[in-house]
Amino acid sequence: MSVSEAKFDKAVKIVQGLPKDGPVKPTQDDQLYFYKYYKQATIGDINTPRPGLLDFVGKAKWDAWKSVEGTSKEESRTKYVERLLEILRAATDEDSKKYIAEIEAAA
């Protein structure tokens, strides 16, 4: 299944807008997952040098993005949206149901 850019854009808006203290809390691993597939879907293969030794967050993000090198933009969009839907379906709050409907309604 390939995900449209509209569904991907809606999913990105949802992930970026999740309240820090809300019922849906992506783990750090989930956040890196979203990061690497967002970068791969929007930019493509990594195009920057690896950050220095003391930039732990930067290195983690760089390594995550590097790990999906060669993945197509279409596949990256699909993986991003599918993971968000998994997280939302596991939650039981009304906002999550609303987010799922918004993603599914996007063309």
PDB file of N, CA and C in Angstrom:
ATOM      1  N   MET A   1       0.843  -1.181   0.000  1.00  0.00           N
ATOM      2  CA  MET A   1       0.000   0.000   0.000  1.00  0.00           C
ATOM      3  C   MET A   1       0.884   1.238   0.000  1.00  0.00           C
ATOM      4  N   SER A   2       0.578   2.162  -0.870  1.00  0.00           N
ATOM      5  CA  SER A   2       1.329   3.414  -0.924  1.00  0.00           C
ATOM      6  C   SER A   2       0.457   4.531  -0.361  1.00  0.00           C
ATOM      7  N   VAL A   3       1.057   5.388   0.418  1.00  0.00           N
ATOM      8  CA  VAL A   3       0.322   6.454   1.090  1.00  0.00           C
ATOM      9  C   VAL A   3       0.450   7.738   0.295  1.00  0.00           C
ATOM     10  N   SER A   4      -0.648   8.458   0.148  1.00  0.00           N
ATOM     11  CA  SER A   4      -0.628   9.723  -0.584  1.00  0.00           C
ATOM     12  C   SER A   4       0.125  10.779   0.206  1.00  0.00           C
ATOM     13  N   GLU A   5       0.577  11.802  -0.508  1.00  0.00           N
ATOM     14  CA  GLU A   5       1.251  12.913   0.182  1.00  0.00           C
ATOM     15  C   GLU A   5       0.293  13.601   1.150  1.00  0.00           C
ATOM     16  N   ALA A   6      -0.997  13.649   0.813  1.00  0.00           N
ATOM     17  CA  ALA A   6      -1.980  14.297   1.696  1.00  0.00           C
ATOM     18  C   ALA A   6      -2.080  13.552   3.025  1.00  0.00           C
ATOM     19  N   LYS A   7      -2.117  12.223   2.981  1.00  0.00           N
ATOM     20  CA  LYS A   7      -2.177  11.430   4.217  1.00  0.00           C
ATOM     21  C   LYS A   7      -0.893  11.628   5.030  1.00  0.00           C
ATOM     22  N   PHE A   8       0.242  11.625   4.338  1.00  0.00           N
ATOM     23  CA  PHE A   8       1.524  11.830   5.001  1.00  0.00           C
ATOM     24  C   PHE A   8       1.563  13.211   5.660  1.00  0.00           C
ATOM     25  N   ASP A   9       1.164  14.245   4.926  1.00  0.00           N
ATOM     26  CA  ASP A   9       1.168  15.609   5.470  1.00  0.00           C
ATOM     27  C   ASP A   9       0.276  15.713   6.703  1.00  0.00           C
ATOM     28  N   LYS A  10      -0.889  15.060   6.658  1.00  0.00           N
ATOM     29  CA  LYS A  10      -1.800  15.072   7.801  1.00  0.00           C
ATOM     30  C   LYS A  10      -1.146  14.356   8.995  1.00  0.00           C
ATOM     31  N   ALA A  11      -0.503  13.219   8.739  1.00  0.00           N
ATOM     32  CA  ALA A  11       0.168  12.475   9.809  1.00  0.00           C
ATOM     33  C   ALA A  11       1.291  13.303  10.431  1.00  0.00           C
ATOM     34  N   VAL A  12       2.058  14.003   9.604  1.00  0.00           N
ATOM     35  CA  VAL A  12       3.151  14.845  10.110  1.00  0.00           C
ATOM     36  C   VAL A  12       2.585  15.935  11.014  1.00  0.00           C
ATOM     37  N   LYS A  13       1.494  16.566  10.596  1.00  0.00           N
ATOM     38  CA  LYS A  13       0.874  17.619  11.412  1.00  0.00           C
ATOM     39  C   LYS A  13       0.418  17.064  12.764  1.00  0.00           C
ATOM     40  N   ILE A  14      -0.124  15.857  12.746  1.00  0.00           N
ATOM     41  CA  ILE A  14      -0.590  15.229  13.994  1.00  0.00           C
ATOM     42  C   ILE A  14       0.598  14.949  14.914  1.00  0.00           C
ATOM     43  N   VAL A  15       1.645  14.337  14.374  1.00  0.00           N
ATOM     44  CA  VAL A  15       2.815  14.013  15.202  1.00  0.00           C
ATOM     45  C   VAL A  15       3.417  15.294  15.782  1.00  0.00           C
ATOM     46  N   GLN A  16       3.570  16.320  14.947  1.00  0.00           N
ATOM     47  CA  GLN A  16       4.180  17.561  15.419  1.00  0.00           C
ATOM     48  C   GLN A  16       3.288  18.296  16.418  1.00  0.00           C
ATOM     49  N   GLY A  17       1.987  18.036  16.374  1.00  0.00           N
ATOM     50  CA  GLY A  17       1.062  18.735  17.252  1.00  0.00           C
ATOM     51  C   GLY A  17       0.659  17.992  18.509  1.00  0.00           C
ATOM     52  N   LEU A  18       1.188  16.768  18.701  1.00  0.00           N
ATOM     53  CA  LEU A  18       0.814  16.003  19.893  1.00  0.00           C
ATOM     54  C   LEU A  18       1.257  16.752  21.148  1.00  0.00           C
ATOM     55  N   PRO A  19       0.321  16.993  22.073  1.00  0.00           N
ATOM     56  CA  PRO A  19       0.719  17.687  23.311  1.00  0.00           C
ATOM     57  C   PRO A  19       1.662  16.818  24.139  1.00  0.00           C
ATOM     58  N   LYS A  20       2.661  17.451  24.736  1.00  0.00           N
ATOM     59  CA  LYS A  20       3.668  16.725  25.518  1.00  0.00           C
ATOM     60  C   LYS A  20       3.041  15.940  26.664  1.00  0.00           C
ATOM     61  N   ASP A  21       1.927  16.464  27.212  1.00  0.00           N
ATOM     62  CA  ASP A  21       1.287  15.791  28.341  1.00  0.00           C
ATOM     63  C   ASP A  21      -0.013  15.110  27.924  1.00  0.00           C
ATOM     64  N   GLY A  22      -0.177  14.878  26.627  1.00  0.00           N
ATOM     65  CA  GLY A  22      -1.406  14.259  26.125  1.00  0.00           C
ATOM     66  C   GLY A  22      -1.397  12.753  26.317  1.00  0.00           C
ATOM     67  N   PRO A  23      -2.507  12.104  25.961  1.00  0.00           N
ATOM     68  CA  PRO A  23      -2.632  10.660  26.158  1.00  0.00           C
ATOM     69  C   PRO A  23      -1.771   9.843  25.194  1.00  0.00           C
ATOM     70  N   VAL A  24      -1.427  10.427  24.032  1.00  0.00           N
ATOM     71  CA  VAL A  24      -0.603   9.710  23.064  1.00  0.00           C
ATOM     72  C   VAL A  24       0.828  10.207  23.206  1.00  0.00           C
ATOM     73  N   LYS A  25       1.698   9.317  23.690  1.00  0.00           N
ATOM     74  CA  LYS A  25       3.101   9.693  23.917  1.00  0.00           C
ATOM     75  C   LYS A  25       4.010   8.738  23.150  1.00  0.00           C
ATOM     76  N   PRO A  26       4.463   9.136  21.963  1.00  0.00           N
ATOM     77  CA  PRO A  26       5.414   8.286  21.246  1.00  0.00           C
ATOM     78  C   PRO A  26       6.692   8.104  22.087  1.00  0.00           C
ATOM     79  N   THR A  27       7.229   6.905  22.101  1.00  0.00           N
ATOM     80  CA  THR A  27       8.476   6.645  22.817  1.00  0.00           C
ATOM     81  C   THR A  27       9.619   7.338  22.083  1.00  0.00           C
ATOM     82  N   GLN A  28      10.792   7.336  22.712  1.00  0.00           N
ATOM     83  CA  GLN A  28      11.965   7.904  22.045  1.00  0.00           C
ATOM     84  C   GLN A  28      12.257   7.146  20.755  1.00  0.00           C
ATOM     85  N   ASP A  29      12.097   5.833  20.784  1.00  0.00           N
ATOM     86  CA  ASP A  29      12.304   5.037  19.571  1.00  0.00           C
ATOM     87  C   ASP A  29      11.304   5.425  18.491  1.00  0.00           C
ATOM     88  N   ASP A  30      10.045   5.643  18.898  1.00  0.00           N
ATOM     89  CA  ASP A  30       9.030   6.083  17.937  1.00  0.00           C
ATOM     90  C   ASP A  30       9.413   7.437  17.351  1.00  0.00           C
ATOM     91  N   GLN A  31       9.897   8.339  18.197  1.00  0.00           N
ATOM     92  CA  GLN A  31      10.269   9.668  17.727  1.00  0.00           C
ATOM     93  C   GLN A  31      11.400   9.593  16.702  1.00  0.00           C
ATOM     94  N   LEU A  32      12.383   8.732  16.951  1.00  0.00           N
ATOM     95  CA  LEU A  32      13.460   8.546  15.971  1.00  0.00           C
ATOM     96  C   LEU A  32      12.927   7.913  14.693  1.00  0.00           C
ATOM     97  N   TYR A  33      11.984   6.984  14.841  1.00  0.00           N
ATOM     98  CA  TYR A  33      11.356   6.345  13.682  1.00  0.00           C
ATOM     99  C   TYR A  33      10.673   7.399  12.816  1.00  0.00           C
ATOM    100  N   PHE A  34       9.869   8.251  13.464  1.00  0.00           N
ATOM    101  CA  PHE A  34       9.190   9.308  12.716  1.00  0.00           C
ATOM    102  C   PHE A  34      10.209  10.252  12.072  1.00  0.00           C
ATOM    103  N   TYR A  35      11.246  10.590  12.808  1.00  0.00           N
ATOM    104  CA  TYR A  35      12.264  11.502  12.295  1.00  0.00           C
ATOM    105  C   TYR A  35      12.919  10.946  11.033  1.00  0.00           C
ATOM    106  N   LYS A  36      13.394   9.696  11.113  1.00  0.00           N
ATOM    107  CA  LYS A  36      14.153   9.151   9.983  1.00  0.00           C
ATOM    108  C   LYS A  36      13.277   9.002   8.739  1.00  0.00           C
ATOM    109  N   TYR A  37      12.028   8.583   8.937  1.00  0.00           N
ATOM    110  CA  TYR A  37      11.179   8.423   7.749  1.00  0.00           C
ATOM    111  C   TYR A  37      10.652   9.763   7.241  1.00  0.00           C
ATOM    112  N   TYR A  38      10.508  10.739   8.114  1.00  0.00           N
ATOM    113  CA  TYR A  38      10.146  12.093   7.667  1.00  0.00           C
ATOM    114  C   TYR A  38      11.272  12.647   6.785  1.00  0.00           C
ATOM    115  N   LYS A  39      12.509  12.548   7.274  1.00  0.00           N
ATOM    116  CA  LYS A  39      13.647  13.068   6.511  1.00  0.00           C
ATOM    117  C   LYS A  39      13.791  12.326   5.185  1.00  0.00           C
ATOM    118  N   GLN A  40      13.642  11.006   5.224  1.00  0.00           N
ATOM    119  CA  GLN A  40      13.798  10.209   4.001  1.00  0.00           C
ATOM    120  C   GLN A  40      12.675  10.530   3.009  1.00  0.00           C
ATOM    121  N   ALA A  41      11.464  10.754   3.522  1.00  0.00           N
ATOM    122  CA  ALA A  41      10.315  11.047   2.649  1.00  0.00           C
ATOM    123  C   ALA A  41      10.403  12.445   2.059  1.00  0.00           C
ATOM    124  N   THR A  42      10.984  13.387   2.792  1.00  0.00           N
ATOM    125  CA  THR A  42      10.983  14.774   2.329  1.00  0.00           C
ATOM    126  C   THR A  42      12.281  15.189   1.643  1.00  0.00           C
ATOM    127  N   ILE A  43      13.402  14.580   2.040  1.00  0.00           N
ATOM    128  CA  ILE A  43      14.698  14.972   1.475  1.00  0.00           C
ATOM    129  C   ILE A  43      15.315  13.850   0.647  1.00  0.00           C
ATOM    130  N   GLY A  44      15.150  12.619   1.104  1.00  0.00           N
ATOM    131  CA  GLY A  44      15.806  11.480   0.453  1.00  0.00           C
ATOM    132  C   GLY A  44      16.995  11.055   1.289  1.00  0.00           C
ATOM    133  N   ASP A  45      17.993  10.459   0.634  1.00  0.00           N
ATOM    134  CA  ASP A  45      19.158   9.960   1.360  1.00  0.00           C
ATOM    135  C   ASP A  45      19.867  11.081   2.106  1.00  0.00           C
ATOM    136  N   ILE A  46      20.455  10.714   3.227  1.00  0.00           N
ATOM    137  CA  ILE A  46      21.133  11.676   4.102  1.00  0.00           C
ATOM    138  C   ILE A  46      22.172  12.474   3.317  1.00  0.00           C
ATOM    139  N   ASN A  47      22.222  13.768   3.606  1.00  0.00           N
ATOM    140  CA  ASN A  47      23.070  14.664   2.809  1.00  0.00           C
ATOM    141  C   ASN A  47      23.942  15.570   3.681  1.00  0.00           C
ATOM    142  N   THR A  48      24.162  15.155   4.936  1.00  0.00           N
ATOM    143  CA  THR A  48      24.974  15.955   5.852  1.00  0.00           C
ATOM    144  C   THR A  48      26.020  15.063   6.513  1.00  0.00           C
ATOM    145  N   PRO A  49      27.137  15.645   6.944  1.00  0.00           N
ATOM    146  CA  PRO A  49      28.135  14.844   7.666  1.00  0.00           C
ATOM    147  C   PRO A  49      27.633  14.477   9.062  1.00  0.00           C
ATOM    148  N   ARG A  50      28.158  13.378   9.610  1.00  0.00           N
ATOM    149  CA  ARG A  50      27.752  12.938  10.947  1.00  0.00           C
ATOM    150  C   ARG A  50      28.218  13.964  11.977  1.00  0.00           C
ATOM    151  N   PRO A  51      27.339  14.328  12.928  1.00  0.00           N
ATOM    152  CA  PRO A  51      27.709  15.300  13.965  1.00  0.00           C
ATOM    153  C   PRO A  51      28.876  14.815  14.823  1.00  0.00           C
ATOM    154  N   GLY A  52      29.478  15.751  15.548  1.00  0.00           N
ATOM    155  CA  GLY A  52      30.631  15.461  16.390  1.00  0.00           C
ATOM    156  C   GLY A  52      30.305  14.581  17.589  1.00  0.00           C
ATOM    157  N   LEU A  53      31.348  14.148  18.259  1.00  0.00           N
ATOM    158  CA  LEU A  53      31.250  13.194  19.357  1.00  0.00           C
ATOM    159  C   LEU A  53      30.315  13.607  20.480  1.00  0.00           C
ATOM    160  N   LEU A  54      30.263  14.881  20.809  1.00  0.00           N
ATOM    161  CA  LEU A  54      29.483  15.309  21.972  1.00  0.00           C
ATOM    162  C   LEU A  54      28.032  15.633  21.638  1.00  0.00           C
ATOM    163  N   ASP A  55      27.674  15.596  20.370  1.00  0.00           N
ATOM    164  CA  ASP A  55      26.298  15.876  19.969  1.00  0.00           C
ATOM    165  C   ASP A  55      25.527  14.560  19.929  1.00  0.00           C
ATOM    166  N   PHE A  56      25.134  14.083  21.117  1.00  0.00           N
ATOM    167  CA  PHE A  56      24.511  12.752  21.218  1.00  0.00           C
ATOM    168  C   PHE A  56      23.173  12.677  20.500  1.00  0.00           C
ATOM    169  N   VAL A  57      22.342  13.715  20.676  1.00  0.00           N
ATOM    170  CA  VAL A  57      21.037  13.734  20.015  1.00  0.00           C
ATOM    171  C   VAL A  57      21.219  13.798  18.501  1.00  0.00           C
ATOM    172  N   GLY A  58      22.099  14.691  18.067  1.00  0.00           N
ATOM    173  CA  GLY A  58      22.360  14.831  16.629  1.00  0.00           C
ATOM    174  C   GLY A  58      22.862  13.537  16.012  1.00  0.00           C
ATOM    175  N   LYS A  59      23.762  12.839  16.734  1.00  0.00           N
ATOM    176  CA  LYS A  59      24.278  11.566  16.218  1.00  0.00           C
ATOM    177  C   LYS A  59      23.178  10.519  16.141  1.00  0.00           C
ATOM    178  N   ALA A  60      22.330  10.462  17.159  1.00  0.00           N
ATOM    179  CA  ALA A  60      21.235   9.474  17.161  1.00  0.00           C
ATOM    180  C   ALA A  60      20.305   9.725  15.976  1.00  0.00           C
ATOM    181  N   LYS A  61      20.000  10.999  15.743  1.00  0.00           N
ATOM    182  CA  LYS A  61      19.120  11.336  14.620  1.00  0.00           C
ATOM    183  C   LYS A  61      19.801  11.029  13.288  1.00  0.00           C
ATOM    184  N   TRP A  62      21.084  11.365  13.181  1.00  0.00           N
ATOM    185  CA  TRP A  62      21.832  11.110  11.955  1.00  0.00           C
ATOM    186  C   TRP A  62      21.889   9.615  11.668  1.00  0.00           C
ATOM    187  N   ASP A  63      22.226   8.830  12.712  1.00  0.00           N
ATOM    188  CA  ASP A  63      22.323   7.376  12.553  1.00  0.00           C
ATOM    189  C   ASP A  63      20.980   6.767  12.156  1.00  0.00           C
ATOM    190  N   ALA A  64      19.908   7.283  12.749  1.00  0.00           N
ATOM    191  CA  ALA A  64      18.572   6.779  12.406  1.00  0.00           C
ATOM    192  C   ALA A  64      18.274   7.040  10.934  1.00  0.00           C
ATOM    193  N   TRP A  65      18.518   8.271  10.488  1.00  0.00           N
ATOM    194  CA  TRP A  65      18.251   8.622   9.088  1.00  0.00           C
ATOM    195  C   TRP A  65      19.142   7.795   8.161  1.00  0.00           C
ATOM    196  N   LYS A  66      20.409   7.658   8.511  1.00  0.00           N
ATOM    197  CA  LYS A  66      21.350   6.879   7.694  1.00  0.00           C
ATOM    198  C   LYS A  66      20.871   5.439   7.558  1.00  0.00           C
ATOM    199  N   SER A  67      20.196   4.911   8.592  1.00  0.00           N
ATOM    200  CA  SER A  67      19.766   3.510   8.590  1.00  0.00           C
ATOM    201  C   SER A  67      18.695   3.216   7.542  1.00  0.00           C
ATOM    202  N   VAL A  68      18.044   4.255   7.005  1.00  0.00           N
ATOM    203  CA  VAL A  68      16.999   4.022   5.999  1.00  0.00           C
ATOM    204  C   VAL A  68      17.432   4.518   4.614  1.00  0.00           C
ATOM    205  N   GLU A  69      18.734   4.749   4.461  1.00  0.00           N
ATOM    206  CA  GLU A  69      19.266   5.184   3.175  1.00  0.00           C
ATOM    207  C   GLU A  69      18.834   4.220   2.077  1.00  0.00           C
ATOM    208  N   GLY A  70      18.412   4.764   0.950  1.00  0.00           N
ATOM    209  CA  GLY A  70      17.977   3.929  -0.168  1.00  0.00           C
ATOM    210  C   GLY A  70      16.496   3.625  -0.164  1.00  0.00           C
ATOM    211  N   THR A  71      15.792   3.941   0.922  1.00  0.00           N
ATOM    212  CA  THR A  71      14.341   3.733   0.983  1.00  0.00           C
ATOM    213  C   THR A  71      13.669   4.806   0.132  1.00  0.00           C
ATOM    214  N   SER A  72      12.699   4.404  -0.674  1.00  0.00           N
ATOM    215  CA  SER A  72      12.025   5.376  -1.535  1.00  0.00           C
ATOM    216  C   SER A  72      11.187   6.349  -0.710  1.00  0.00           C
ATOM    217  N   LYS A  73      10.920   7.509  -1.303  1.00  0.00           N
ATOM    218  CA  LYS A  73      10.090   8.500  -0.609  1.00  0.00           C
ATOM    219  C   LYS A  73       8.693   7.934  -0.354  1.00  0.00           C
ATOM    220  N   GLU A  74       8.163   7.176  -1.321  1.00  0.00           N
ATOM    221  CA  GLU A  74       6.833   6.592  -1.169  1.00  0.00           C
ATOM    222  C   GLU A  74       6.797   5.591  -0.005  1.00  0.00           C
ATOM    223  N   GLU A  75       7.802   4.716   0.045  1.00  0.00           N
ATOM    224  CA  GLU A  75       7.848   3.725   1.126  1.00  0.00           C
ATOM    225  C   GLU A  75       8.037   4.417   2.480  1.00  0.00           C
ATOM    226  N   SER A  76       8.834   5.477   2.497  1.00  0.00           N
ATOM    227  CA  SER A  76       9.065   6.219   3.742  1.00  0.00           C
ATOM    228  C   SER A  76       7.775   6.853   4.242  1.00  0.00           C
ATOM    229  N   ARG A  77       6.992   7.452   3.332  1.00  0.00           N
ATOM    230  CA  ARG A  77       5.696   8.041   3.721  1.00  0.00           C
ATOM    231  C   ARG A  77       4.787   6.965   4.298  1.00  0.00           C
ATOM    232  N   THR A  78       4.753   5.816   3.640  1.00  0.00           N
ATOM    233  CA  THR A  78       3.886   4.719   4.071  1.00  0.00           C
ATOM    234  C   THR A  78       4.278   4.233   5.465  1.00  0.00           C
ATOM    235  N   LYS A  79       5.569   4.020   5.704  1.00  0.00           N
ATOM    236  CA  LYS A  79       6.024   3.538   7.010  1.00  0.00           C
ATOM    237  C   LYS A  79       5.695   4.557   8.108  1.00  0.00           C
ATOM    238  N   TYR A  80       5.846   5.824   7.817  1.00  0.00           N
ATOM    239  CA  TYR A  80       5.555   6.889   8.779  1.00  0.00           C
ATOM    240  C   TYR A  80       4.084   6.846   9.184  1.00  0.00           C
ATOM    241  N   VAL A  81       3.209   6.825   8.183  1.00  0.00           N
ATOM    242  CA  VAL A  81       1.761   6.849   8.443  1.00  0.00           C
ATOM    243  C   VAL A  81       1.324   5.563   9.136  1.00  0.00           C
ATOM    244  N   GLU A  82       1.814   4.416   8.682  1.00  0.00           N
ATOM    245  CA  GLU A  82       1.410   3.146   9.288  1.00  0.00           C
ATOM    246  C   GLU A  82       1.797   3.087  10.769  1.00  0.00           C
ATOM    247  N   ARG A  83       3.001   3.599  11.113  1.00  0.00           N
ATOM    248  CA  ARG A  83       3.435   3.581  12.522  1.00  0.00           C
ATOM    249  C   ARG A  83       2.562   4.495  13.364  1.00  0.00           C
ATOM    250  N   LEU A  84       2.238   5.675  12.839  1.00  0.00           N
ATOM    251  CA  LEU A  84       1.371   6.579  13.593  1.00  0.00           C
ATOM    252  C   LEU A  84       0.007   5.931  13.818  1.00  0.00           C
ATOM    253  N   LEU A  85      -0.544   5.304  12.800  1.00  0.00           N
ATOM    254  CA  LEU A  85      -1.849   4.649  12.957  1.00  0.00           C
ATOM    255  C   LEU A  85      -1.778   3.535  14.000  1.00  0.00           C
ATOM    256  N   GLU A  86      -0.671   2.774  14.044  1.00  0.00           N
ATOM    257  CA  GLU A  86      -0.508   1.728  15.071  1.00  0.00           C
ATOM    258  C   GLU A  86      -0.571   2.342  16.469  1.00  0.00           C
ATOM    259  N   ILE A  87       0.160   3.429  16.653  1.00  0.00           N
ATOM    260  CA  ILE A  87       0.202   4.091  17.965  1.00  0.00           C
ATOM    261  C   ILE A  87      -1.182   4.624  18.332  1.00  0.00           C
ATOM    262  N   LEU A  88      -1.847   5.241  17.384  1.00  0.00           N
ATOM    263  CA  LEU A  88      -3.175   5.815  17.645  1.00  0.00           C
ATOM    264  C   LEU A  88      -4.204   4.731  17.935  1.00  0.00           C
ATOM    265  N   ARG A  89      -4.125   3.611  17.223  1.00  0.00           N
ATOM    266  CA  ARG A  89      -5.095   2.522  17.441  1.00  0.00           C
ATOM    267  C   ARG A  89      -4.900   1.867  18.803  1.00  0.00           C
ATOM    268  N   ALA A  90      -3.666   1.929  19.327  1.00  0.00           N
ATOM    269  CA  ALA A  90      -3.390   1.352  20.644  1.00  0.00           C
ATOM    270  C   ALA A  90      -3.912   2.262  21.760  1.00  0.00           C
ATOM    271  N   ALA A  91      -4.106   3.531  21.452  1.00  0.00           N
ATOM    272  CA  ALA A  91      -4.626   4.482  22.440  1.00  0.00           C
ATOM    273  C   ALA A  91      -6.151   4.382  22.444  1.00  0.00           C
ATOM    274  N   THR A  92      -6.764   4.806  23.545  1.00  0.00           N
ATOM    275  CA  THR A  92      -8.224   4.654  23.642  1.00  0.00           C
ATOM    276  C   THR A  92      -8.943   5.989  23.783  1.00  0.00           C
ATOM    277  N   ASP A  93      -8.207   7.079  23.684  1.00  0.00           N
ATOM    278  CA  ASP A  93      -8.846   8.383  23.886  1.00  0.00           C
ATOM    279  C   ASP A  93      -9.555   8.865  22.619  1.00  0.00           C
ATOM    280  N   GLU A  94     -10.419   9.839  22.781  1.00  0.00           N
ATOM    281  CA  GLU A  94     -11.202  10.377  21.658  1.00  0.00           C
ATOM    282  C   GLU A  94     -10.319  11.087  20.637  1.00  0.00           C
ATOM    283  N   ASP A  95      -9.279  11.792  21.103  1.00  0.00           N
ATOM    284  CA  ASP A  95      -8.397  12.489  20.163  1.00  0.00           C
ATOM    285  C   ASP A  95      -7.771  11.506  19.184  1.00  0.00           C
ATOM    286  N   SER A  96      -7.352  10.354  19.684  1.00  0.00           N
ATOM    287  CA  SER A  96      -6.725   9.364  18.807  1.00  0.00           C
ATOM    288  C   SER A  96      -7.692   8.908  17.723  1.00  0.00           C
ATOM    289  N   LYS A  97      -8.946   8.681  18.108  1.00  0.00           N
ATOM    290  CA  LYS A  97      -9.958   8.268  17.117  1.00  0.00           C
ATOM    291  C   LYS A  97     -10.157   9.370  16.076  1.00  0.00           C
ATOM    292  N   LYS A  98     -10.153  10.612  16.543  1.00  0.00           N
ATOM    293  CA  LYS A  98     -10.314  11.758  15.636  1.00  0.00           C
ATOM    294  C   LYS A  98      -9.124  11.836  14.668  1.00  0.00           C
ATOM    295  N   TYR A  99      -7.904  11.637  15.193  1.00  0.00           N
ATOM    296  CA  TYR A  99      -6.710  11.671  14.339  1.00  0.00           C
ATOM    297  C   TYR A  99      -6.761  10.575  13.277  1.00  0.00           C
ATOM    298  N   ILE A 100      -7.178   9.369  13.674  1.00  0.00           N
ATOM    299  CA  ILE A 100      -7.284   8.261  12.711  1.00  0.00           C
ATOM    300  C   ILE A 100      -8.247   8.643  11.601  1.00  0.00           C
ATOM    301  N   ALA A 101      -9.393   9.199  11.973  1.00  0.00           N
ATOM    302  CA  ALA A 101     -10.392   9.607  10.966  1.00  0.00           C
ATOM    303  C   ALA A 101      -9.824  10.663  10.041  1.00  0.00           C
ATOM    304  N   GLU A 102      -9.073  11.619  10.599  1.00  0.00           N
ATOM    305  CA  GLU A 102      -8.475  12.679   9.764  1.00  0.00           C
ATOM    306  C   GLU A 102      -7.494  12.103   8.748  1.00  0.00           C
ATOM    307  N   ILE A 103      -6.666  11.165   9.202  1.00  0.00           N
ATOM    308  CA  ILE A 103      -5.689  10.558   8.287  1.00  0.00           C
ATOM    309  C   ILE A 103      -6.408   9.767   7.197  1.00  0.00           C
ATOM    310  N   GLU A 104      -7.400   8.983   7.609  1.00  0.00           N
ATOM    311  CA  GLU A 104      -8.102   8.146   6.629  1.00  0.00           C
ATOM    312  C   GLU A 104      -8.916   8.973   5.647  1.00  0.00           C
ATOM    313  N   ALA A 105      -9.336  10.170   6.061  1.00  0.00           N
ATOM    314  CA  ALA A 105     -10.133  11.037   5.183  1.00  0.00           C
ATOM    315  C   ALA A 105      -9.262  11.800   4.177  1.00  0.00           C
ATOM    316  N   ALA A 106      -7.964  11.937   4.479  1.00  0.00           N
ATOM    317  CA  ALA A 106      -7.073  12.670   3.564  1.00  0.00           C
ATOM    318  C   ALA A 106      -6.966  11.908   2.254  1.00  0.00           C
ATOM    319  N   ALA A 107      -6.992  12.644   1.160  1.00  0.00           N
ATOM    320  CA  ALA A 107      -7.009  12.015  -0.168  1.00  0.00           C
ATOM    321  C   ALA A 107      -5.703  11.307  -0.493  1.00  0.00           C
TER     322      ALA A 107
END
